[in-house]
Amino acid sequence: MNRNPRPGGTAKVTVPGWQEHAACRGEDPDLFFAPEIEYPAARKHRETQAKQVCARCPVRMSCLEWRLRSESQRDAGIWGGLNEDERILLRRRRIRAAAAAKRRAA
């Protein structure tokens, strides 16, 4: 089941121009998105493979930033080389850093 607008997927969505350059184009979307039931070891293996694709991607940061700015913050899958939990941590760090910078500026 394809649940994503990634370049390798078949979802009919309007996508930013950077996606045409993504390393994941042509890859199986199931590599980037977990099935309904997945054992932890299988998830780790699948995510490692997906992150290897992301590591060689010329638009990895554009992909990550697009997902971080998306209204659907809970969208699962590997985006820009990070899984959902890693993106949540990154968002929290950015929020804390912005708040600290604002306090220093005040």
PDB file of N, CA and C in Angstrom:
ATOM      1  N   MET A   1       0.845  -1.186   0.000  1.00  0.00           N
ATOM      2  CA  MET A   1       0.000   0.000   0.000  1.00  0.00           C
ATOM      3  C   MET A   1       0.885   1.243   0.000  1.00  0.00           C
ATOM      4  N   ASN A   2       0.650   2.140  -0.920  1.00  0.00           N
ATOM      5  CA  ASN A   2       1.446   3.352  -1.033  1.00  0.00           C
ATOM      6  C   ASN A   2       0.761   4.470  -0.262  1.00  0.00           C
ATOM      7  N   ARG A   3       1.407   4.940   0.798  1.00  0.00           N
ATOM      8  CA  ARG A   3       0.826   5.961   1.663  1.00  0.00           C
ATOM      9  C   ARG A   3       1.626   7.254   1.608  1.00  0.00           C
ATOM     10  N   ASN A   4       2.294   7.542   0.521  1.00  0.00           N
ATOM     11  CA  ASN A   4       3.229   8.658   0.545  1.00  0.00           C
ATOM     12  C   ASN A   4       3.323   9.367  -0.791  1.00  0.00           C
ATOM     13  N   PRO A   5       3.795  10.624  -0.752  1.00  0.00           N
ATOM     14  CA  PRO A   5       4.018  11.372  -1.981  1.00  0.00           C
ATOM     15  C   PRO A   5       5.480  11.337  -2.425  1.00  0.00           C
ATOM     16  N   ARG A   6       6.241  10.349  -1.983  1.00  0.00           N
ATOM     17  CA  ARG A   6       7.660  10.286  -2.344  1.00  0.00           C
ATOM     18  C   ARG A   6       7.823  10.033  -3.838  1.00  0.00           C
ATOM     19  N   PRO A   7       8.965  10.399  -4.377  1.00  0.00           N
ATOM     20  CA  PRO A   7       9.200  10.228  -5.799  1.00  0.00           C
ATOM     21  C   PRO A   7       9.019   8.791  -6.284  1.00  0.00           C
ATOM     22  N   GLY A   8       9.355   7.812  -5.481  1.00  0.00           N
ATOM     23  CA  GLY A   8       9.223   6.428  -5.902  1.00  0.00           C
ATOM     24  C   GLY A   8       7.793   5.935  -5.860  1.00  0.00           C
ATOM     25  N   GLY A   9       6.914   6.686  -5.227  1.00  0.00           N
ATOM     26  CA  GLY A   9       5.536   6.267  -5.050  1.00  0.00           C
ATOM     27  C   GLY A   9       4.671   6.571  -6.264  1.00  0.00           C
ATOM     28  N   THR A  10       3.450   6.112  -6.186  1.00  0.00           N
ATOM     29  CA  THR A  10       2.521   6.336  -7.282  1.00  0.00           C
ATOM     30  C   THR A  10       1.411   7.301  -6.896  1.00  0.00           C
ATOM     31  N   ALA A  11       1.487   7.867  -5.700  1.00  0.00           N
ATOM     32  CA  ALA A  11       0.452   8.799  -5.257  1.00  0.00           C
ATOM     33  C   ALA A  11       0.409   9.999  -6.188  1.00  0.00           C
ATOM     34  N   LYS A  12      -0.781  10.438  -6.534  1.00  0.00           N
ATOM     35  CA  LYS A  12      -0.950  11.596  -7.412  1.00  0.00           C
ATOM     36  C   LYS A  12      -1.039  12.849  -6.555  1.00  0.00           C
ATOM     37  N   VAL A  13       0.077  13.507  -6.367  1.00  0.00           N
ATOM     38  CA  VAL A  13       0.122  14.722  -5.568  1.00  0.00           C
ATOM     39  C   VAL A  13       0.999  15.736  -6.282  1.00  0.00           C
ATOM     40  N   THR A  14       0.795  16.997  -5.946  1.00  0.00           N
ATOM     41  CA  THR A  14       1.674  18.042  -6.431  1.00  0.00           C
ATOM     42  C   THR A  14       2.891  18.063  -5.519  1.00  0.00           C
ATOM     43  N   VAL A  15       4.062  17.944  -6.099  1.00  0.00           N
ATOM     44  CA  VAL A  15       5.272  17.847  -5.292  1.00  0.00           C
ATOM     45  C   VAL A  15       6.247  18.958  -5.658  1.00  0.00           C
ATOM     46  N   PRO A  16       7.060  19.352  -4.686  1.00  0.00           N
ATOM     47  CA  PRO A  16       8.080  20.352  -4.972  1.00  0.00           C
ATOM     48  C   PRO A  16       9.067  19.842  -6.028  1.00  0.00           C
ATOM     49  N   GLY A  17       9.693  20.731  -6.765  1.00  0.00           N
ATOM     50  CA  GLY A  17      10.615  20.352  -7.834  1.00  0.00           C
ATOM     51  C   GLY A  17      11.807  19.535  -7.391  1.00  0.00           C
ATOM     52  N   TRP A  18      12.226  19.657  -6.142  1.00  0.00           N
ATOM     53  CA  TRP A  18      13.395  18.907  -5.687  1.00  0.00           C
ATOM     54  C   TRP A  18      13.169  17.404  -5.757  1.00  0.00           C
ATOM     55  N   GLN A  19      11.926  16.955  -5.693  1.00  0.00           N
ATOM     56  CA  GLN A  19      11.671  15.518  -5.636  1.00  0.00           C
ATOM     57  C   GLN A  19      12.087  14.796  -6.908  1.00  0.00           C
ATOM     58  N   GLU A  20      12.109  15.505  -8.025  1.00  0.00           N
ATOM     59  CA  GLU A  20      12.543  14.842  -9.257  1.00  0.00           C
ATOM     60  C   GLU A  20      14.017  14.456  -9.207  1.00  0.00           C
ATOM     61  N   HIS A  21      14.777  15.001  -8.269  1.00  0.00           N
ATOM     62  CA  HIS A  21      16.208  14.702  -8.134  1.00  0.00           C
ATOM     63  C   HIS A  21      16.507  13.745  -6.985  1.00  0.00           C
ATOM     64  N   ALA A  22      15.477  13.283  -6.297  1.00  0.00           N
ATOM     65  CA  ALA A  22      15.663  12.449  -5.108  1.00  0.00           C
ATOM     66  C   ALA A  22      16.221  11.071  -5.456  1.00  0.00           C
ATOM     67  N   ALA A  23      17.126  10.596  -4.628  1.00  0.00           N
ATOM     68  CA  ALA A  23      17.736   9.284  -4.817  1.00  0.00           C
ATOM     69  C   ALA A  23      16.726   8.158  -4.655  1.00  0.00           C
ATOM     70  N   CYS A  24      15.631   8.429  -3.988  1.00  0.00           N
ATOM     71  CA  CYS A  24      14.621   7.387  -3.754  1.00  0.00           C
ATOM     72  C   CYS A  24      13.693   7.185  -4.943  1.00  0.00           C
ATOM     73  N   ARG A  25      13.816   8.011  -5.967  1.00  0.00           N
ATOM     74  CA  ARG A  25      12.981   7.816  -7.166  1.00  0.00           C
ATOM     75  C   ARG A  25      13.240   6.422  -7.706  1.00  0.00           C
ATOM     76  N   GLY A  26      12.189   5.688  -7.929  1.00  0.00           N
ATOM     77  CA  GLY A  26      12.336   4.344  -8.473  1.00  0.00           C
ATOM     78  C   GLY A  26      12.535   3.270  -7.423  1.00  0.00           C
ATOM     79  N   GLU A  27      12.793   3.687  -6.180  1.00  0.00           N
ATOM     80  CA  GLU A  27      12.924   2.707  -5.096  1.00  0.00           C
ATOM     81  C   GLU A  27      11.535   2.275  -4.651  1.00  0.00           C
ATOM     82  N   ASP A  28      11.451   1.119  -4.037  1.00  0.00           N
ATOM     83  CA  ASP A  28      10.185   0.623  -3.515  1.00  0.00           C
ATOM     84  C   ASP A  28       9.772   1.506  -2.333  1.00  0.00           C
ATOM     85  N   PRO A  29       8.605   2.157  -2.395  1.00  0.00           N
ATOM     86  CA  PRO A  29       8.170   3.016  -1.288  1.00  0.00           C
ATOM     87  C   PRO A  29       8.060   2.272   0.040  1.00  0.00           C
ATOM     88  N   ASP A  30       7.813   0.958  -0.017  1.00  0.00           N
ATOM     89  CA  ASP A  30       7.714   0.178   1.223  1.00  0.00           C
ATOM     90  C   ASP A  30       9.027   0.162   1.993  1.00  0.00           C
ATOM     91  N   LEU A  31      10.132   0.485   1.331  1.00  0.00           N
ATOM     92  CA  LEU A  31      11.415   0.590   2.028  1.00  0.00           C
ATOM     93  C   LEU A  31      11.396   1.764   3.007  1.00  0.00           C
ATOM     94  N   PHE A  32      10.660   2.811   2.687  1.00  0.00           N
ATOM     95  CA  PHE A  32      10.637   4.033   3.482  1.00  0.00           C
ATOM     96  C   PHE A  32       9.477   4.109   4.472  1.00  0.00           C
ATOM     97  N   PHE A  33       8.503   3.235   4.311  1.00  0.00           N
ATOM     98  CA  PHE A  33       7.310   3.269   5.156  1.00  0.00           C
ATOM     99  C   PHE A  33       7.024   1.892   5.723  1.00  0.00           C
ATOM    100  N   ALA A  34       6.829   1.835   7.044  1.00  0.00           N
ATOM    101  CA  ALA A  34       6.617   0.572   7.743  1.00  0.00           C
ATOM    102  C   ALA A  34       5.269  -0.043   7.399  1.00  0.00           C
ATOM    103  N   PRO A  35       5.229  -1.363   7.336  1.00  0.00           N
ATOM    104  CA  PRO A  35       3.931  -2.029   7.204  1.00  0.00           C
ATOM    105  C   PRO A  35       3.167  -1.901   8.519  1.00  0.00           C
ATOM    106  N   GLU A  36       1.921  -2.315   8.512  1.00  0.00           N
ATOM    107  CA  GLU A  36       1.093  -2.221   9.721  1.00  0.00           C
ATOM    108  C   GLU A  36       1.740  -2.935  10.906  1.00  0.00           C
ATOM    109  N   ILE A  37       2.294  -4.111  10.652  1.00  0.00           N
ATOM    110  CA  ILE A  37       2.957  -4.884  11.712  1.00  0.00           C
ATOM    111  C   ILE A  37       4.384  -5.153  11.258  1.00  0.00           C
ATOM    112  N   GLU A  38       5.333  -4.801  12.113  1.00  0.00           N
ATOM    113  CA  GLU A  38       6.747  -4.990  11.768  1.00  0.00           C
ATOM    114  C   GLU A  38       7.533  -5.269  13.039  1.00  0.00           C
ATOM    115  N   TYR A  39       8.289  -6.339  13.028  1.00  0.00           N
ATOM    116  CA  TYR A  39       9.133  -6.659  14.173  1.00  0.00           C
ATOM    117  C   TYR A  39      10.248  -5.624  14.289  1.00  0.00           C
ATOM    118  N   PRO A  40      10.704  -5.342  15.520  1.00  0.00           N
ATOM    119  CA  PRO A  40      11.751  -4.324  15.706  1.00  0.00           C
ATOM    120  C   PRO A  40      13.007  -4.573  14.879  1.00  0.00           C
ATOM    121  N   ALA A  41      13.456  -5.807  14.802  1.00  0.00           N
ATOM    122  CA  ALA A  41      14.669  -6.109  14.029  1.00  0.00           C
ATOM    123  C   ALA A  41      14.443  -5.838  12.540  1.00  0.00           C
ATOM    124  N   ALA A  42      13.253  -6.178  12.042  1.00  0.00           N
ATOM    125  CA  ALA A  42      12.937  -5.919  10.638  1.00  0.00           C
ATOM    126  C   ALA A  42      12.859  -4.414  10.380  1.00  0.00           C
ATOM    127  N   ARG A  43      12.295  -3.682  11.340  1.00  0.00           N
ATOM    128  CA  ARG A  43      12.200  -2.227  11.185  1.00  0.00           C
ATOM    129  C   ARG A  43      13.596  -1.606  11.131  1.00  0.00           C
ATOM    130  N   LYS A  44      14.456  -2.028  12.031  1.00  0.00           N
ATOM    131  CA  LYS A  44      15.822  -1.492  12.060  1.00  0.00           C
ATOM    132  C   LYS A  44      16.525  -1.762  10.724  1.00  0.00           C
ATOM    133  N   HIS A  45      16.370  -2.976  10.209  1.00  0.00           N
ATOM    134  CA  HIS A  45      17.010  -3.334   8.941  1.00  0.00           C
ATOM    135  C   HIS A  45      16.447  -2.492   7.791  1.00  0.00           C
ATOM    136  N   ARG A  46      15.108  -2.376   7.717  1.00  0.00           N
ATOM    137  CA  ARG A  46      14.470  -1.600   6.655  1.00  0.00           C
ATOM    138  C   ARG A  46      14.878  -0.139   6.736  1.00  0.00           C
ATOM    139  N   GLU A  47      14.858   0.426   7.947  1.00  0.00           N
ATOM    140  CA  GLU A  47      15.229   1.838   8.101  1.00  0.00           C
ATOM    141  C   GLU A  47      16.697   2.069   7.749  1.00  0.00           C
ATOM    142  N   THR A  48      17.554   1.136   8.090  1.00  0.00           N
ATOM    143  CA  THR A  48      18.977   1.263   7.742  1.00  0.00           C
ATOM    144  C   THR A  48      19.150   1.303   6.231  1.00  0.00           C
ATOM    145  N   GLN A  49      18.431   0.425   5.529  1.00  0.00           N
ATOM    146  CA  GLN A  49      18.506   0.419   4.065  1.00  0.00           C
ATOM    147  C   GLN A  49      17.971   1.731   3.489  1.00  0.00           C
ATOM    148  N   ALA A  50      16.858   2.208   4.011  1.00  0.00           N
ATOM    149  CA  ALA A  50      16.282   3.459   3.525  1.00  0.00           C
ATOM    150  C   ALA A  50      17.237   4.626   3.778  1.00  0.00           C
ATOM    151  N   LYS A  51      17.826   4.658   4.948  1.00  0.00           N
ATOM    152  CA  LYS A  51      18.750   5.743   5.286  1.00  0.00           C
ATOM    153  C   LYS A  51      19.996   5.712   4.411  1.00  0.00           C
ATOM    154  N   GLN A  52      20.389   4.527   3.942  1.00  0.00           N
ATOM    155  CA  GLN A  52      21.525   4.429   3.017  1.00  0.00           C
ATOM    156  C   GLN A  52      21.187   5.095   1.684  1.00  0.00           C
ATOM    157  N   VAL A  53      19.946   4.947   1.249  1.00  0.00           N
ATOM    158  CA  VAL A  53      19.502   5.632   0.030  1.00  0.00           C
ATOM    159  C   VAL A  53      19.549   7.140   0.273  1.00  0.00           C
ATOM    160  N   CYS A  54      19.033   7.572   1.404  1.00  0.00           N
ATOM    161  CA  CYS A  54      19.020   9.003   1.734  1.00  0.00           C
ATOM    162  C   CYS A  54      20.436   9.574   1.825  1.00  0.00           C
ATOM    163  N   ALA A  55      21.366   8.783   2.331  1.00  0.00           N
ATOM    164  CA  ALA A  55      22.736   9.268   2.514  1.00  0.00           C
ATOM    165  C   ALA A  55      23.386   9.667   1.193  1.00  0.00           C
ATOM    166  N   ARG A  56      22.975   9.062   0.106  1.00  0.00           N
ATOM    167  CA  ARG A  56      23.565   9.407  -1.197  1.00  0.00           C
ATOM    168  C   ARG A  56      22.696  10.383  -2.000  1.00  0.00           C
ATOM    169  N   CYS A  57      21.660  10.908  -1.365  1.00  0.00           N
ATOM    170  CA  CYS A  57      20.703  11.758  -2.056  1.00  0.00           C
ATOM    171  C   CYS A  57      21.179  13.209  -2.133  1.00  0.00           C
ATOM    172  N   PRO A  58      21.159  13.797  -3.327  1.00  0.00           N
ATOM    173  CA  PRO A  58      21.596  15.188  -3.459  1.00  0.00           C
ATOM    174  C   PRO A  58      20.591  16.207  -2.893  1.00  0.00           C
ATOM    175  N   VAL A  59      19.364  15.780  -2.624  1.00  0.00           N
ATOM    176  CA  VAL A  59      18.349  16.704  -2.118  1.00  0.00           C
ATOM    177  C   VAL A  59      17.840  16.277  -0.738  1.00  0.00           C
ATOM    178  N   ARG A  60      18.660  15.558   0.007  1.00  0.00           N
ATOM    179  CA  ARG A  60      18.264  15.036   1.311  1.00  0.00           C
ATOM    180  C   ARG A  60      17.780  16.138   2.246  1.00  0.00           C
ATOM    181  N   MET A  61      18.493  17.235   2.310  1.00  0.00           N
ATOM    182  CA  MET A  61      18.107  18.310   3.225  1.00  0.00           C
ATOM    183  C   MET A  61      16.811  18.987   2.785  1.00  0.00           C
ATOM    184  N   SER A  62      16.579  19.118   1.496  1.00  0.00           N
ATOM    185  CA  SER A  62      15.313  19.676   1.016  1.00  0.00           C
ATOM    186  C   SER A  62      14.157  18.772   1.407  1.00  0.00           C
ATOM    187  N   CYS A  63      14.363  17.477   1.293  1.00  0.00           N
ATOM    188  CA  CYS A  63      13.344  16.495   1.677  1.00  0.00           C
ATOM    189  C   CYS A  63      13.031  16.604   3.166  1.00  0.00           C
ATOM    190  N   LEU A  64      14.074  16.656   3.977  1.00  0.00           N
ATOM    191  CA  LEU A  64      13.898  16.746   5.425  1.00  0.00           C
ATOM    192  C   LEU A  64      13.185  18.039   5.805  1.00  0.00           C
ATOM    193  N   GLU A  65      13.625  19.153   5.256  1.00  0.00           N
ATOM    194  CA  GLU A  65      13.004  20.437   5.591  1.00  0.00           C
ATOM    195  C   GLU A  65      11.551  20.477   5.131  1.00  0.00           C
ATOM    196  N   TRP A  66      11.259  19.902   3.969  1.00  0.00           N
ATOM    197  CA  TRP A  66       9.883  19.865   3.494  1.00  0.00           C
ATOM    198  C   TRP A  66       9.009  19.084   4.472  1.00  0.00           C
ATOM    199  N   ARG A  67       9.488  17.954   4.950  1.00  0.00           N
ATOM    200  CA  ARG A  67       8.718  17.147   5.896  1.00  0.00           C
ATOM    201  C   ARG A  67       8.588  17.867   7.236  1.00  0.00           C
ATOM    202  N   LEU A  68       9.626  18.533   7.692  1.00  0.00           N
ATOM    203  CA  LEU A  68       9.559  19.246   8.971  1.00  0.00           C
ATOM    204  C   LEU A  68       8.566  20.396   8.925  1.00  0.00           C
ATOM    205  N   ARG A  69       8.421  21.034   7.761  1.00  0.00           N
ATOM    206  CA  ARG A  69       7.488  22.150   7.626  1.00  0.00           C
ATOM    207  C   ARG A  69       6.071  21.706   7.311  1.00  0.00           C
ATOM    208  N   SER A  70       5.885  20.444   7.021  1.00  0.00           N
ATOM    209  CA  SER A  70       4.585  19.933   6.623  1.00  0.00           C
ATOM    210  C   SER A  70       3.568  20.039   7.749  1.00  0.00           C
ATOM    211  N   GLU A  71       2.322  20.280   7.395  1.00  0.00           N
ATOM    212  CA  GLU A  71       1.254  20.319   8.391  1.00  0.00           C
ATOM    213  C   GLU A  71       1.057  18.963   9.029  1.00  0.00           C
ATOM    214  N   SER A  72       1.338  17.911   8.302  1.00  0.00           N
ATOM    215  CA  SER A  72       1.157  16.549   8.808  1.00  0.00           C
ATOM    216  C   SER A  72       2.423  16.127   9.560  1.00  0.00           C
ATOM    217  N   GLN A  73       2.610  16.680  10.735  1.00  0.00           N
ATOM    218  CA  GLN A  73       3.834  16.426  11.504  1.00  0.00           C
ATOM    219  C   GLN A  73       3.989  14.967  11.929  1.00  0.00           C
ATOM    220  N   ARG A  74       2.899  14.218  11.987  1.00  0.00           N
ATOM    221  CA  ARG A  74       2.974  12.833  12.427  1.00  0.00           C
ATOM    222  C   ARG A  74       3.164  11.862  11.271  1.00  0.00           C
ATOM    223  N   ASP A  75       3.456  12.359  10.082  1.00  0.00           N
ATOM    224  CA  ASP A  75       3.634  11.480   8.940  1.00  0.00           C
ATOM    225  C   ASP A  75       4.830  10.574   9.185  1.00  0.00           C
ATOM    226  N   ALA A  76       4.586   9.296   9.137  1.00  0.00           N
ATOM    227  CA  ALA A  76       5.630   8.317   9.397  1.00  0.00           C
ATOM    228  C   ALA A  76       6.544   8.174   8.184  1.00  0.00           C
ATOM    229  N   GLY A  77       7.512   7.339   8.334  1.00  0.00           N
ATOM    230  CA  GLY A  77       8.410   7.029   7.234  1.00  0.00           C
ATOM    231  C   GLY A  77       9.751   7.708   7.391  1.00  0.00           C
ATOM    232  N   ILE A  78      10.627   7.361   6.497  1.00  0.00           N
ATOM    233  CA  ILE A  78      11.964   7.951   6.452  1.00  0.00           C
ATOM    234  C   ILE A  78      11.909   9.121   5.479  1.00  0.00           C
ATOM    235  N   TRP A  79      12.266  10.280   5.944  1.00  0.00           N
ATOM    236  CA  TRP A  79      12.307  11.505   5.144  1.00  0.00           C
ATOM    237  C   TRP A  79      13.625  12.202   5.436  1.00  0.00           C
ATOM    238  N   GLY A  80      14.398  12.497   4.416  1.00  0.00           N
ATOM    239  CA  GLY A  80      15.663  13.184   4.612  1.00  0.00           C
ATOM    240  C   GLY A  80      16.623  12.420   5.507  1.00  0.00           C
ATOM    241  N   GLY A  81      16.479  11.124   5.550  1.00  0.00           N
ATOM    242  CA  GLY A  81      17.384  10.291   6.343  1.00  0.00           C
ATOM    243  C   GLY A  81      16.996  10.131   7.802  1.00  0.00           C
ATOM    244  N   LEU A  82      15.845  10.662   8.203  1.00  0.00           N
ATOM    245  CA  LEU A  82      15.407  10.550   9.598  1.00  0.00           C
ATOM    246  C   LEU A  82      14.048   9.866   9.675  1.00  0.00           C
ATOM    247  N   ASN A  83      13.879   9.065  10.731  1.00  0.00           N
ATOM    248  CA  ASN A  83      12.568   8.453  10.951  1.00  0.00           C
ATOM    249  C   ASN A  83      11.708   9.413  11.769  1.00  0.00           C
ATOM    250  N   GLU A  84      10.476   9.013  12.030  1.00  0.00           N
ATOM    251  CA  GLU A  84       9.536   9.905  12.726  1.00  0.00           C
ATOM    252  C   GLU A  84      10.058  10.342  14.088  1.00  0.00           C
ATOM    253  N   ASP A  85      10.569   9.402  14.879  1.00  0.00           N
ATOM    254  CA  ASP A  85      11.078   9.743  16.212  1.00  0.00           C
ATOM    255  C   ASP A  85      12.252  10.721  16.134  1.00  0.00           C
ATOM    256  N   GLU A  86      13.139  10.518  15.166  1.00  0.00           N
ATOM    257  CA  GLU A  86      14.290  11.407  15.009  1.00  0.00           C
ATOM    258  C   GLU A  86      13.849  12.809  14.579  1.00  0.00           C
ATOM    259  N   ARG A  87      12.819  12.879  13.754  1.00  0.00           N
ATOM    260  CA  ARG A  87      12.305  14.196  13.346  1.00  0.00           C
ATOM    261  C   ARG A  87      11.644  14.925  14.507  1.00  0.00           C
ATOM    262  N   ILE A  88      10.945  14.188  15.354  1.00  0.00           N
ATOM    263  CA  ILE A  88      10.336  14.800  16.540  1.00  0.00           C
ATOM    264  C   ILE A  88      11.430  15.405  17.425  1.00  0.00           C
ATOM    265  N   LEU A  89      12.504  14.653  17.655  1.00  0.00           N
ATOM    266  CA  LEU A  89      13.618  15.171  18.463  1.00  0.00           C
ATOM    267  C   LEU A  89      14.250  16.403  17.820  1.00  0.00           C
ATOM    268  N   LEU A  90      14.431  16.374  16.507  1.00  0.00           N
ATOM    269  CA  LEU A  90      15.006  17.519  15.804  1.00  0.00           C
ATOM    270  C   LEU A  90      14.113  18.746  15.945  1.00  0.00           C
ATOM    271  N   ARG A  91      12.800  18.572  15.785  1.00  0.00           N
ATOM    272  CA  ARG A  91      11.871  19.700  15.956  1.00  0.00           C
ATOM    273  C   ARG A  91      11.989  20.285  17.357  1.00  0.00           C
ATOM    274  N   ARG A  92      12.023  19.418  18.360  1.00  0.00           N
ATOM    275  CA  ARG A  92      12.138  19.891  19.750  1.00  0.00           C
ATOM    276  C   ARG A  92      13.429  20.658  19.966  1.00  0.00           C
ATOM    277  N   ARG A  93      14.533  20.163  19.429  1.00  0.00           N
ATOM    278  CA  ARG A  93      15.816  20.874  19.568  1.00  0.00           C
ATOM    279  C   ARG A  93      15.743  22.238  18.909  1.00  0.00           C
ATOM    280  N   ARG A  94      15.138  22.304  17.749  1.00  0.00           N
ATOM    281  CA  ARG A  94      15.020  23.584  17.039  1.00  0.00           C
ATOM    282  C   ARG A  94      14.151  24.563  17.811  1.00  0.00           C
ATOM    283  N   ILE A  95      13.068  24.074  18.390  1.00  0.00           N
ATOM    284  CA  ILE A  95      12.192  24.940  19.182  1.00  0.00           C
ATOM    285  C   ILE A  95      12.943  25.480  20.389  1.00  0.00           C
ATOM    286  N   ARG A  96      13.678  24.600  21.090  1.00  0.00           N
ATOM    287  CA  ARG A  96      14.444  25.045  22.251  1.00  0.00           C
ATOM    288  C   ARG A  96      15.535  26.039  21.869  1.00  0.00           C
ATOM    289  N   ALA A  97      16.205  25.781  20.754  1.00  0.00           N
ATOM    290  CA  ALA A  97      17.268  26.689  20.300  1.00  0.00           C
ATOM    291  C   ALA A  97      16.684  28.049  19.933  1.00  0.00           C
ATOM    292  N   ALA A  98      15.541  28.063  19.262  1.00  0.00           N
ATOM    293  CA  ALA A  98      14.903  29.332  18.896  1.00  0.00           C
ATOM    294  C   ALA A  98      14.464  30.101  20.141  1.00  0.00           C
ATOM    295  N   ALA A  99      13.943  29.393  21.138  1.00  0.00           N
ATOM    296  CA  ALA A  99      13.513  30.054  22.372  1.00  0.00           C
ATOM    297  C   ALA A  99      14.716  30.622  23.105  1.00  0.00           C
ATOM    298  N   ALA A 100      15.813  29.871  23.132  1.00  0.00           N
ATOM    299  CA  ALA A 100      17.026  30.357  23.806  1.00  0.00           C
ATOM    300  C   ALA A 100      17.570  31.583  23.086  1.00  0.00           C
ATOM    301  N   ALA A 101      17.561  31.574  21.776  1.00  0.00           N
ATOM    302  CA  ALA A 101      18.051  32.722  20.995  1.00  0.00           C
ATOM    303  C   ALA A 101      17.164  33.938  21.244  1.00  0.00           C
ATOM    304  N   LYS A 102      15.881  33.721  21.349  1.00  0.00           N
ATOM    305  CA  LYS A 102      14.951  34.821  21.615  1.00  0.00           C
ATOM    306  C   LYS A 102      15.205  35.416  22.999  1.00  0.00           C
ATOM    307  N   ARG A 103      15.458  34.558  23.991  1.00  0.00           N
ATOM    308  CA  ARG A 103      15.762  35.057  25.358  1.00  0.00           C
ATOM    309  C   ARG A 103      17.050  35.846  25.372  1.00  0.00           C
ATOM    310  N   ARG A 104      18.052  35.369  24.640  1.00  0.00           N
ATOM    311  CA  ARG A 104      19.342  36.087  24.610  1.00  0.00           C
ATOM    312  C   ARG A 104      19.190  37.432  23.938  1.00  0.00           C
ATOM    313  N   ALA A 105      18.327  37.514  22.928  1.00  0.00           N
ATOM    314  CA  ALA A 105      18.132  38.761  22.203  1.00  0.00           C
ATOM    315  C   ALA A 105      17.323  39.777  22.999  1.00  0.00           C
ATOM    316  N   ALA A 106      16.538  39.283  23.957  1.00  0.00           N
ATOM    317  CA  ALA A 106      15.670  40.180  24.740  1.00  0.00           C
ATOM    318  C   ALA A 106      16.421  40.923  25.804  1.00  0.00           C
TER     319      ALA A 106
END
